[in-house]
Amino acid sequence: MPDHVSLWGLLIPIRRSFRQYVNLRPIRVFEGIDSPVRGARPGEVDFVVVRENMEGEYSEVGGRLNRGFPDEIAVQEAVFTRAGVTRVLDYAFTLASQRGGRLTSATKSNGIVHTMPFWDQLVTERAASFPQVAWDQEHIDALAAKFVLEPARFDVVVASNLFGDILSDLAAAVAGSIGIAPAANLNPERDFPSMFEPVHGSAPDIAGQGTANPLGAIWSAAMMLDHLGHPAAARDITDAIASVLAKTDIRTRDLGGTATTAEFTDKLIELL
């Protein structure tokens, strides 16, 4: 099945129908994981990417004309609304005020002439309501480089739909494997359900082999427990994740080991 069919036929309608406008992706380098990035050390890299989850570059505005002819054309419009950008910025600034007090905004206003200067304007406006948060902005290309060169400098990174999608996958790789990374699709007002999922998707290339890293799903479950009002249970799960990585040599294939999904999960449950 083509990726755009499963995405636009299921995942994006769920996010939009349930107003899950915050996509939250924590990034952490665990003890016992060798990051492919030399400067990404355990205990130093611990940040969150806040991705706008309902509009931006992933809009439905556009189309294709003259399919199959030499003059075929495809048009895709990015849609940024004041309401949509403001609410995700408020969430990110609030989160930063509860964490390390630092926020970085991803932009590209030197090249994208309308939407990104609008995004920057709204960041400046909302920052005035959070004087306790130190903030800056980085062009997306430079920010991608700094994720690799200086991953420990970040606390909360807020980004548009496309930028946040790309940055969070890059950050997960910096942390050691995209198989570890969880995600939360949040409706912060709780008018609708939220949804929790591994970042890596379904991995059809290894389907049925029993070798997938279960940590992305398990950490996502911990995020769900925290959202549902059970922070202690959530901490128990993330502590078990940390323990299995720090205290054992059990690793799935993506982490350089030979353990199956079941073997890794059984050891984590034992430690839990």
C-alpha atoms as a PDB file:
ATOM      1  CA  MET A   1       0.000   0.000   0.000  1.00  0.00           C
ATOM      2  CA  PRO A   2       1.469   3.415  -0.911  1.00  0.00           C
ATOM      3  CA  ASP A   3       2.481   5.485   2.113  1.00  0.00           C
ATOM      4  CA  HIS A   4       0.229   8.396   1.230  1.00  0.00           C
ATOM      5  CA  VAL A   5      -2.823   6.097   1.260  1.00  0.00           C
ATOM      6  CA  SER A   6      -2.300   4.840   4.809  1.00  0.00           C
ATOM      7  CA  LEU A   7      -1.319   8.310   6.001  1.00  0.00           C
ATOM      8  CA  TRP A   8      -4.200  10.296   4.477  1.00  0.00           C
ATOM      9  CA  GLY A   9      -6.686   7.454   4.805  1.00  0.00           C
ATOM     10  CA  LEU A  10      -6.178   6.874   8.529  1.00  0.00           C
ATOM     11  CA  LEU A  11      -3.489   8.647  10.548  1.00  0.00           C
ATOM     12  CA  ILE A  12      -4.065  12.248   9.470  1.00  0.00           C
ATOM     13  CA  PRO A  13      -7.896  11.995   9.689  1.00  0.00           C
ATOM     14  CA  ILE A  14      -7.521  10.699  13.263  1.00  0.00           C
ATOM     15  CA  ARG A  15      -5.212  13.573  14.192  1.00  0.00           C
ATOM     16  CA  ARG A  16      -7.518  16.166  12.656  1.00  0.00           C
ATOM     17  CA  SER A  17     -10.880  14.763  13.727  1.00  0.00           C
ATOM     18  CA  PHE A  18      -9.699  14.567  17.336  1.00  0.00           C
ATOM     19  CA  ARG A  19      -7.935  17.973  17.183  1.00  0.00           C
ATOM     20  CA  GLN A  20      -4.579  16.454  18.101  1.00  0.00           C
ATOM     21  CA  TYR A  21      -2.651  19.578  17.209  1.00  0.00           C
ATOM     22  CA  VAL A  22       0.457  18.861  19.314  1.00  0.00           C
ATOM     23  CA  ASN A  23       2.843  16.124  18.255  1.00  0.00           C
ATOM     24  CA  LEU A  24       5.248  15.576  21.141  1.00  0.00           C
ATOM     25  CA  ARG A  25       8.490  13.676  20.575  1.00  0.00           C
ATOM     26  CA  PRO A  26      10.955  13.292  23.482  1.00  0.00           C
ATOM     27  CA  ILE A  27      14.617  12.644  22.682  1.00  0.00           C
ATOM     28  CA  ARG A  28      16.976  11.099  25.231  1.00  0.00           C
ATOM     29  CA  VAL A  29      20.354   9.398  25.043  1.00  0.00           C
ATOM     30  CA  PHE A  30      20.184   6.469  27.470  1.00  0.00           C
ATOM     31  CA  GLU A  31      23.108   4.981  29.362  1.00  0.00           C
ATOM     32  CA  GLY A  32      24.218   1.900  27.468  1.00  0.00           C
ATOM     33  CA  ILE A  33      23.408   3.247  24.019  1.00  0.00           C
ATOM     34  CA  ASP A  34      26.266   4.364  21.816  1.00  0.00           C
ATOM     35  CA  SER A  35      24.995   7.265  19.769  1.00  0.00           C
ATOM     36  CA  PRO A  36      26.432   7.499  16.260  1.00  0.00           C
ATOM     37  CA  VAL A  37      27.137  11.129  17.187  1.00  0.00           C
ATOM     38  CA  ARG A  38      30.314  11.475  19.239  1.00  0.00           C
ATOM     39  CA  GLY A  39      29.060  14.426  21.298  1.00  0.00           C
ATOM     40  CA  ALA A  40      25.701  12.862  22.224  1.00  0.00           C
ATOM     41  CA  ARG A  41      26.380  11.526  25.709  1.00  0.00           C
ATOM     42  CA  PRO A  42      23.975   9.917  28.207  1.00  0.00           C
ATOM     43  CA  GLY A  43      22.635  12.340  30.780  1.00  0.00           C
ATOM     44  CA  GLU A  44      23.393  15.332  28.573  1.00  0.00           C
ATOM     45  CA  VAL A  45      20.995  14.946  25.647  1.00  0.00           C
ATOM     46  CA  ASP A  46      17.395  15.203  26.856  1.00  0.00           C
ATOM     47  CA  PHE A  47      15.035  17.419  24.873  1.00  0.00           C
ATOM     48  CA  VAL A  48      11.593  17.485  23.301  1.00  0.00           C
ATOM     49  CA  VAL A  49      10.445  18.352  19.780  1.00  0.00           C
ATOM     50  CA  VAL A  50       7.002  19.985  19.718  1.00  0.00           C
ATOM     51  CA  ARG A  51       5.585  19.628  16.208  1.00  0.00           C
ATOM     52  CA  GLU A  52       2.491  21.398  14.923  1.00  0.00           C
ATOM     53  CA  ASN A  53       0.316  18.470  13.904  1.00  0.00           C
ATOM     54  CA  MET A  54      -2.709  19.626  11.881  1.00  0.00           C
ATOM     55  CA  GLU A  55      -1.839  22.239   9.276  1.00  0.00           C
ATOM     56  CA  GLY A  56       1.323  23.843   7.876  1.00  0.00           C
ATOM     57  CA  GLU A  57       2.940  22.049   4.989  1.00  0.00           C
ATOM     58  CA  TYR A  58       0.660  18.999   5.394  1.00  0.00           C
ATOM     59  CA  SER A  59      -2.447  20.703   4.072  1.00  0.00           C
ATOM     60  CA  GLU A  60      -4.969  19.292   1.619  1.00  0.00           C
ATOM     61  CA  VAL A  61      -4.994  22.472  -0.461  1.00  0.00           C
ATOM     62  CA  GLY A  62      -3.698  21.848  -3.982  1.00  0.00           C
ATOM     63  CA  GLY A  63      -3.994  19.216  -6.658  1.00  0.00           C
ATOM     64  CA  ARG A  64      -2.707  17.769  -9.910  1.00  0.00           C
ATOM     65  CA  LEU A  65      -3.665  18.736 -13.420  1.00  0.00           C
ATOM     66  CA  ASN A  66      -3.049  17.170 -16.833  1.00  0.00           C
ATOM     67  CA  ARG A  67      -1.910  13.856 -15.390  1.00  0.00           C
ATOM     68  CA  GLY A  68       0.325  11.902 -17.749  1.00  0.00           C
ATOM     69  CA  PHE A  69       0.808  14.743 -20.234  1.00  0.00           C
ATOM     70  CA  PRO A  70       4.008  16.754 -20.817  1.00  0.00           C
ATOM     71  CA  ASP A  71       2.450  19.802 -19.165  1.00  0.00           C
ATOM     72  CA  GLU A  72       1.414  17.913 -16.006  1.00  0.00           C
ATOM     73  CA  ILE A  73       1.465  20.085 -12.882  1.00  0.00           C
ATOM     74  CA  ALA A  74       1.268  19.467  -9.133  1.00  0.00           C
ATOM     75  CA  VAL A  75       0.469  22.254  -6.643  1.00  0.00           C
ATOM     76  CA  GLN A  76       0.697  21.901  -2.858  1.00  0.00           C
ATOM     77  CA  GLU A  77      -0.185  24.840  -0.605  1.00  0.00           C
ATOM     78  CA  ALA A  78       1.106  25.310   2.946  1.00  0.00           C
ATOM     79  CA  VAL A  79      -1.535  26.662   5.326  1.00  0.00           C
ATOM     80  CA  PHE A  80      -0.562  28.534   8.517  1.00  0.00           C
ATOM     81  CA  THR A  81      -3.305  30.068  10.655  1.00  0.00           C
ATOM     82  CA  ARG A  82      -2.885  32.442  13.589  1.00  0.00           C
ATOM     83  CA  ALA A  83      -5.004  30.148  15.766  1.00  0.00           C
ATOM     84  CA  GLY A  84      -3.122  27.001  14.740  1.00  0.00           C
ATOM     85  CA  VAL A  85       0.365  28.416  15.217  1.00  0.00           C
ATOM     86  CA  THR A  86      -0.454  30.282  18.430  1.00  0.00           C
ATOM     87  CA  ARG A  87      -1.858  27.264  20.254  1.00  0.00           C
ATOM     88  CA  VAL A  88       1.148  25.050  19.506  1.00  0.00           C
ATOM     89  CA  LEU A  89       3.523  27.869  20.488  1.00  0.00           C
ATOM     90  CA  ASP A  90       1.703  28.357  23.786  1.00  0.00           C
ATOM     91  CA  TYR A  91       2.014  24.639  24.479  1.00  0.00           C
ATOM     92  CA  ALA A  92       5.744  24.688  23.664  1.00  0.00           C
ATOM     93  CA  PHE A  93       6.500  27.790  25.746  1.00  0.00           C
ATOM     94  CA  THR A  94       4.547  26.357  28.689  1.00  0.00           C
ATOM     95  CA  LEU A  95       6.459  23.084  28.410  1.00  0.00           C
ATOM     96  CA  ALA A  96       9.774  24.956  28.287  1.00  0.00           C
ATOM     97  CA  SER A  97       8.836  26.875  31.439  1.00  0.00           C
ATOM     98  CA  GLN A  98       8.309  23.510  33.181  1.00  0.00           C
ATOM     99  CA  ARG A  99      11.580  22.020  31.915  1.00  0.00           C
ATOM    100  CA  GLY A 100      14.897  23.811  31.409  1.00  0.00           C
ATOM    101  CA  GLY A 101      13.484  27.206  30.474  1.00  0.00           C
ATOM    102  CA  ARG A 102      14.865  27.232  26.918  1.00  0.00           C
ATOM    103  CA  LEU A 103      13.016  27.154  23.595  1.00  0.00           C
ATOM    104  CA  THR A 104      14.283  27.029  20.029  1.00  0.00           C
ATOM    105  CA  SER A 105      11.992  27.811  17.101  1.00  0.00           C
ATOM    106  CA  ALA A 106      12.674  26.184  13.728  1.00  0.00           C
ATOM    107  CA  THR A 107      12.190  28.551  10.795  1.00  0.00           C
ATOM    108  CA  LYS A 108      13.244  29.227   7.224  1.00  0.00           C
ATOM    109  CA  SER A 109      12.122  32.813   6.865  1.00  0.00           C
ATOM    110  CA  ASN A 110      15.068  33.766   4.670  1.00  0.00           C
ATOM    111  CA  GLY A 111      13.778  31.516   1.881  1.00  0.00           C
ATOM    112  CA  ILE A 112      10.077  30.887   2.493  1.00  0.00           C
ATOM    113  CA  VAL A 113       8.741  34.388   2.130  1.00  0.00           C
ATOM    114  CA  HIS A 114       5.207  34.308   3.541  1.00  0.00           C
ATOM    115  CA  THR A 115       4.528  31.500   5.992  1.00  0.00           C
ATOM    116  CA  MET A 116       7.813  31.475   7.877  1.00  0.00           C
ATOM    117  CA  PRO A 117       7.986  35.239   8.588  1.00  0.00           C
ATOM    118  CA  PHE A 118       4.393  34.845   9.856  1.00  0.00           C
ATOM    119  CA  TRP A 119       5.545  31.971  12.098  1.00  0.00           C
ATOM    120  CA  ASP A 120       8.468  34.098  13.388  1.00  0.00           C
ATOM    121  CA  GLN A 121       6.131  37.011  14.101  1.00  0.00           C
ATOM    122  CA  LEU A 122       3.851  34.812  16.197  1.00  0.00           C
ATOM    123  CA  VAL A 123       6.804  33.323  18.099  1.00  0.00           C
ATOM    124  CA  THR A 124       7.890  36.832  19.080  1.00  0.00           C
ATOM    125  CA  GLU A 125       4.352  37.751  20.112  1.00  0.00           C
ATOM    126  CA  ARG A 126       3.837  34.660  22.281  1.00  0.00           C
ATOM    127  CA  ALA A 127       7.301  34.868  23.838  1.00  0.00           C
ATOM    128  CA  ALA A 128       6.253  38.118  25.528  1.00  0.00           C
ATOM    129  CA  SER A 129       3.818  36.121  27.665  1.00  0.00           C
ATOM    130  CA  PHE A 130       6.605  33.792  28.867  1.00  0.00           C
ATOM    131  CA  PRO A 131       9.413  36.048  30.145  1.00  0.00           C
ATOM    132  CA  GLN A 132      10.832  33.153  32.163  1.00  0.00           C
ATOM    133  CA  VAL A 133      11.710  31.261  28.968  1.00  0.00           C
ATOM    134  CA  ALA A 134      14.884  32.104  27.045  1.00  0.00           C
ATOM    135  CA  TRP A 135      14.276  31.572  23.350  1.00  0.00           C
ATOM    136  CA  ASP A 136      15.967  31.806  19.991  1.00  0.00           C
ATOM    137  CA  GLN A 137      15.256  30.764  16.430  1.00  0.00           C
ATOM    138  CA  GLU A 138      17.313  28.768  13.968  1.00  0.00           C
ATOM    139  CA  HIS A 139      16.954  28.242  10.255  1.00  0.00           C
ATOM    140  CA  ILE A 140      16.002  24.635   9.662  1.00  0.00           C
ATOM    141  CA  ASP A 141      19.167  23.756   7.739  1.00  0.00           C
ATOM    142  CA  ALA A 142      21.451  25.174  10.433  1.00  0.00           C
ATOM    143  CA  LEU A 143      19.294  23.570  13.126  1.00  0.00           C
ATOM    144  CA  ALA A 144      19.658  20.145  11.516  1.00  0.00           C
ATOM    145  CA  ALA A 145      23.431  20.589  11.632  1.00  0.00           C
ATOM    146  CA  LYS A 146      23.350  21.682  15.284  1.00  0.00           C
ATOM    147  CA  PHE A 147      21.267  18.637  16.244  1.00  0.00           C
ATOM    148  CA  VAL A 148      24.337  16.653  15.191  1.00  0.00           C
ATOM    149  CA  LEU A 149      27.076  19.044  16.344  1.00  0.00           C
ATOM    150  CA  GLU A 150      25.559  20.270  19.637  1.00  0.00           C
ATOM    151  CA  PRO A 151      22.646  18.002  20.629  1.00  0.00           C
ATOM    152  CA  ALA A 152      23.036  18.764  24.345  1.00  0.00           C
ATOM    153  CA  ARG A 153      22.215  22.454  23.917  1.00  0.00           C
ATOM    154  CA  PHE A 154      18.475  21.921  23.276  1.00  0.00           C
ATOM    155  CA  ASP A 155      15.557  21.783  25.709  1.00  0.00           C
ATOM    156  CA  VAL A 156      12.302  22.370  23.778  1.00  0.00           C
ATOM    157  CA  VAL A 157      12.275  22.736  19.986  1.00  0.00           C
ATOM    158  CA  VAL A 158       9.051  23.935  18.353  1.00  0.00           C
ATOM    159  CA  ALA A 159       8.491  23.534  14.637  1.00  0.00           C
ATOM    160  CA  SER A 160       5.918  23.455  11.872  1.00  0.00           C
ATOM    161  CA  ASN A 161       4.433  20.169  10.706  1.00  0.00           C
ATOM    162  CA  LEU A 162       7.054  19.275   8.099  1.00  0.00           C
ATOM    163  CA  PHE A 163      10.056  20.725   9.921  1.00  0.00           C
ATOM    164  CA  GLY A 164       9.064  18.984  13.166  1.00  0.00           C
ATOM    165  CA  ASP A 165       8.590  15.672  11.384  1.00  0.00           C
ATOM    166  CA  ILE A 166      12.067  15.750   9.866  1.00  0.00           C
ATOM    167  CA  LEU A 167      13.844  17.102  12.946  1.00  0.00           C
ATOM    168  CA  SER A 168      12.360  14.541  15.317  1.00  0.00           C
ATOM    169  CA  ASP A 169      13.445  11.612  13.144  1.00  0.00           C
ATOM    170  CA  LEU A 170      16.942  13.080  12.897  1.00  0.00           C
ATOM    171  CA  ALA A 171      17.017  13.554  16.655  1.00  0.00           C
ATOM    172  CA  ALA A 172      15.897   9.955  17.223  1.00  0.00           C
ATOM    173  CA  ALA A 173      18.817   8.741  15.111  1.00  0.00           C
ATOM    174  CA  VAL A 174      21.168  10.960  17.139  1.00  0.00           C
ATOM    175  CA  ALA A 175      19.813   9.229  20.271  1.00  0.00           C
ATOM    176  CA  GLY A 176      20.862   5.863  18.860  1.00  0.00           C
ATOM    177  CA  SER A 177      17.953   4.450  16.858  1.00  0.00           C
ATOM    178  CA  ILE A 178      14.629   5.570  15.492  1.00  0.00           C
ATOM    179  CA  GLY A 179      13.311   2.327  17.016  1.00  0.00           C
ATOM    180  CA  ILE A 180      13.520   3.918  20.477  1.00  0.00           C
ATOM    181  CA  ALA A 181      11.523   7.054  19.692  1.00  0.00           C
ATOM    182  CA  PRO A 182       7.943   7.539  20.949  1.00  0.00           C
ATOM    183  CA  ALA A 183       5.362  10.140  19.983  1.00  0.00           C
ATOM    184  CA  ALA A 184       2.199  11.618  21.440  1.00  0.00           C
ATOM    185  CA  ASN A 185      -0.554  13.207  19.348  1.00  0.00           C
ATOM    186  CA  LEU A 186      -2.194  15.431  21.939  1.00  0.00           C
ATOM    187  CA  ASN A 187      -5.453  17.277  22.260  1.00  0.00           C
ATOM    188  CA  PRO A 188      -4.285  19.377  25.228  1.00  0.00           C
ATOM    189  CA  GLU A 189      -7.799  20.554  26.106  1.00  0.00           C
ATOM    190  CA  ARG A 190      -8.882  16.876  26.406  1.00  0.00           C
ATOM    191  CA  ASP A 191     -12.084  17.524  24.468  1.00  0.00           C
ATOM    192  CA  PHE A 192     -11.105  14.517  22.337  1.00  0.00           C
ATOM    193  CA  PRO A 193      -8.890  11.449  22.804  1.00  0.00           C
ATOM    194  CA  SER A 194      -5.145  11.696  22.284  1.00  0.00           C
ATOM    195  CA  MET A 195      -3.115   9.049  20.461  1.00  0.00           C
ATOM    196  CA  PHE A 196       0.315   7.550  21.174  1.00  0.00           C
ATOM    197  CA  GLU A 197       2.554   5.815  18.656  1.00  0.00           C
ATOM    198  CA  PRO A 198       6.165   4.898  17.870  1.00  0.00           C
ATOM    199  CA  VAL A 199       7.826   7.360  15.506  1.00  0.00           C
ATOM    200  CA  HIS A 200       9.145   4.639  13.210  1.00  0.00           C
ATOM    201  CA  GLY A 201       5.782   3.484  11.847  1.00  0.00           C
ATOM    202  CA  SER A 202       5.004  -0.062  10.828  1.00  0.00           C
ATOM    203  CA  ALA A 203       8.425  -1.116   9.403  1.00  0.00           C
ATOM    204  CA  PRO A 204       6.966  -3.401   6.682  1.00  0.00           C
ATOM    205  CA  ASP A 205      10.459  -4.450   5.588  1.00  0.00           C
ATOM    206  CA  ILE A 206      10.838  -6.535   8.775  1.00  0.00           C
ATOM    207  CA  ALA A 207       7.179  -7.469   9.338  1.00  0.00           C
ATOM    208  CA  GLY A 208       6.698 -10.936  10.807  1.00  0.00           C
ATOM    209  CA  GLN A 209      10.367 -11.443  11.670  1.00  0.00           C
ATOM    210  CA  GLY A 210      10.026 -10.675  15.381  1.00  0.00           C
ATOM    211  CA  THR A 211      13.072  -8.424  15.349  1.00  0.00           C
ATOM    212  CA  ALA A 212      11.561  -4.945  15.725  1.00  0.00           C
ATOM    213  CA  ASN A 213      12.693  -2.766  18.609  1.00  0.00           C
ATOM    214  CA  PRO A 214       9.704  -2.554  21.007  1.00  0.00           C
ATOM    215  CA  LEU A 215      10.997   0.492  22.891  1.00  0.00           C
ATOM    216  CA  GLY A 216       9.210   3.049  20.699  1.00  0.00           C
ATOM    217  CA  ALA A 217       5.869   1.407  21.477  1.00  0.00           C
ATOM    218  CA  ILE A 218       6.649   0.866  25.170  1.00  0.00           C
ATOM    219  CA  TRP A 219       7.812   4.450  25.716  1.00  0.00           C
ATOM    220  CA  SER A 220       4.696   5.652  23.862  1.00  0.00           C
ATOM    221  CA  ALA A 221       2.615   3.671  26.364  1.00  0.00           C
ATOM    222  CA  ALA A 222       4.450   5.445  29.186  1.00  0.00           C
ATOM    223  CA  MET A 223       3.560   8.795  27.622  1.00  0.00           C
ATOM    224  CA  MET A 224      -0.063   7.672  27.460  1.00  0.00           C
ATOM    225  CA  LEU A 225      -0.057   6.775  31.164  1.00  0.00           C
ATOM    226  CA  ASP A 226       1.384  10.170  32.014  1.00  0.00           C
ATOM    227  CA  HIS A 227      -1.299  11.896  29.929  1.00  0.00           C
ATOM    228  CA  LEU A 228      -4.017   9.842  31.654  1.00  0.00           C
ATOM    229  CA  GLY A 229      -2.859  10.997  35.090  1.00  0.00           C
ATOM    230  CA  HIS A 230      -0.537   8.168  36.138  1.00  0.00           C
ATOM    231  CA  PRO A 231       2.929   9.810  36.182  1.00  0.00           C
ATOM    232  CA  ALA A 232       4.374   7.319  38.692  1.00  0.00           C
ATOM    233  CA  ALA A 233       3.471   4.378  36.458  1.00  0.00           C
ATOM    234  CA  ALA A 234       4.932   6.220  33.483  1.00  0.00           C
ATOM    235  CA  ARG A 235       8.199   6.758  35.383  1.00  0.00           C
ATOM    236  CA  ASP A 236       8.307   3.069  36.299  1.00  0.00           C
ATOM    237  CA  ILE A 237       8.227   2.186  32.608  1.00  0.00           C
ATOM    238  CA  THR A 238      10.861   4.725  31.536  1.00  0.00           C
ATOM    239  CA  ASP A 239      13.041   3.587  34.473  1.00  0.00           C
ATOM    240  CA  ALA A 240      12.700   0.003  33.226  1.00  0.00           C
ATOM    241  CA  ILE A 241      13.725   1.149  29.745  1.00  0.00           C
ATOM    242  CA  ALA A 242      16.780   2.847  31.235  1.00  0.00           C
ATOM    243  CA  SER A 243      17.611  -0.254  33.299  1.00  0.00           C
ATOM    244  CA  VAL A 244      17.453  -2.767  30.478  1.00  0.00           C
ATOM    245  CA  LEU A 245      19.783  -0.567  28.424  1.00  0.00           C
ATOM    246  CA  ALA A 246      22.205   0.312  31.221  1.00  0.00           C
ATOM    247  CA  LYS A 247      22.342  -3.004  33.103  1.00  0.00           C
ATOM    248  CA  THR A 248      22.069  -5.672  30.405  1.00  0.00           C
ATOM    249  CA  ASP A 249      23.588  -6.395  27.017  1.00  0.00           C
ATOM    250  CA  ILE A 250      20.238  -7.355  25.486  1.00  0.00           C
ATOM    251  CA  ARG A 251      19.797  -5.374  22.281  1.00  0.00           C
ATOM    252  CA  THR A 252      17.599  -5.665  19.209  1.00  0.00           C
ATOM    253  CA  ARG A 253      19.109  -5.668  15.750  1.00  0.00           C
ATOM    254  CA  ASP A 254      18.828  -1.910  15.218  1.00  0.00           C
ATOM    255  CA  LEU A 255      20.953  -1.403  18.353  1.00  0.00           C
ATOM    256  CA  GLY A 256      23.635  -3.797  17.195  1.00  0.00           C
ATOM    257  CA  GLY A 257      22.374  -6.897  19.034  1.00  0.00           C
ATOM    258  CA  THR A 258      20.612 -10.150  18.211  1.00  0.00           C
ATOM    259  CA  ALA A 259      17.678 -10.161  20.655  1.00  0.00           C
ATOM    260  CA  THR A 260      14.186 -10.696  19.334  1.00  0.00           C
ATOM    261  CA  THR A 261      11.315  -8.348  20.099  1.00  0.00           C
ATOM    262  CA  ALA A 262       9.944 -10.869  22.619  1.00  0.00           C
ATOM    263  CA  GLU A 263      13.299 -11.428  24.358  1.00  0.00           C
ATOM    264  CA  PHE A 264      13.863  -7.708  24.783  1.00  0.00           C
ATOM    265  CA  THR A 265      10.311  -7.158  26.033  1.00  0.00           C
ATOM    266  CA  ASP A 266      10.505 -10.055  28.500  1.00  0.00           C
ATOM    267  CA  LYS A 267      13.677  -8.638  30.075  1.00  0.00           C
ATOM    268  CA  LEU A 268      12.127  -5.172  30.327  1.00  0.00           C
ATOM    269  CA  ILE A 269       9.007  -6.583  32.008  1.00  0.00           C
ATOM    270  CA  GLU A 270      11.211  -8.506  34.437  1.00  0.00           C
ATOM    271  CA  LEU A 271      13.008  -5.304  35.426  1.00  0.00           C
ATOM    272  CA  LEU A 272       9.710  -3.405  35.596  1.00  0.00           C
END
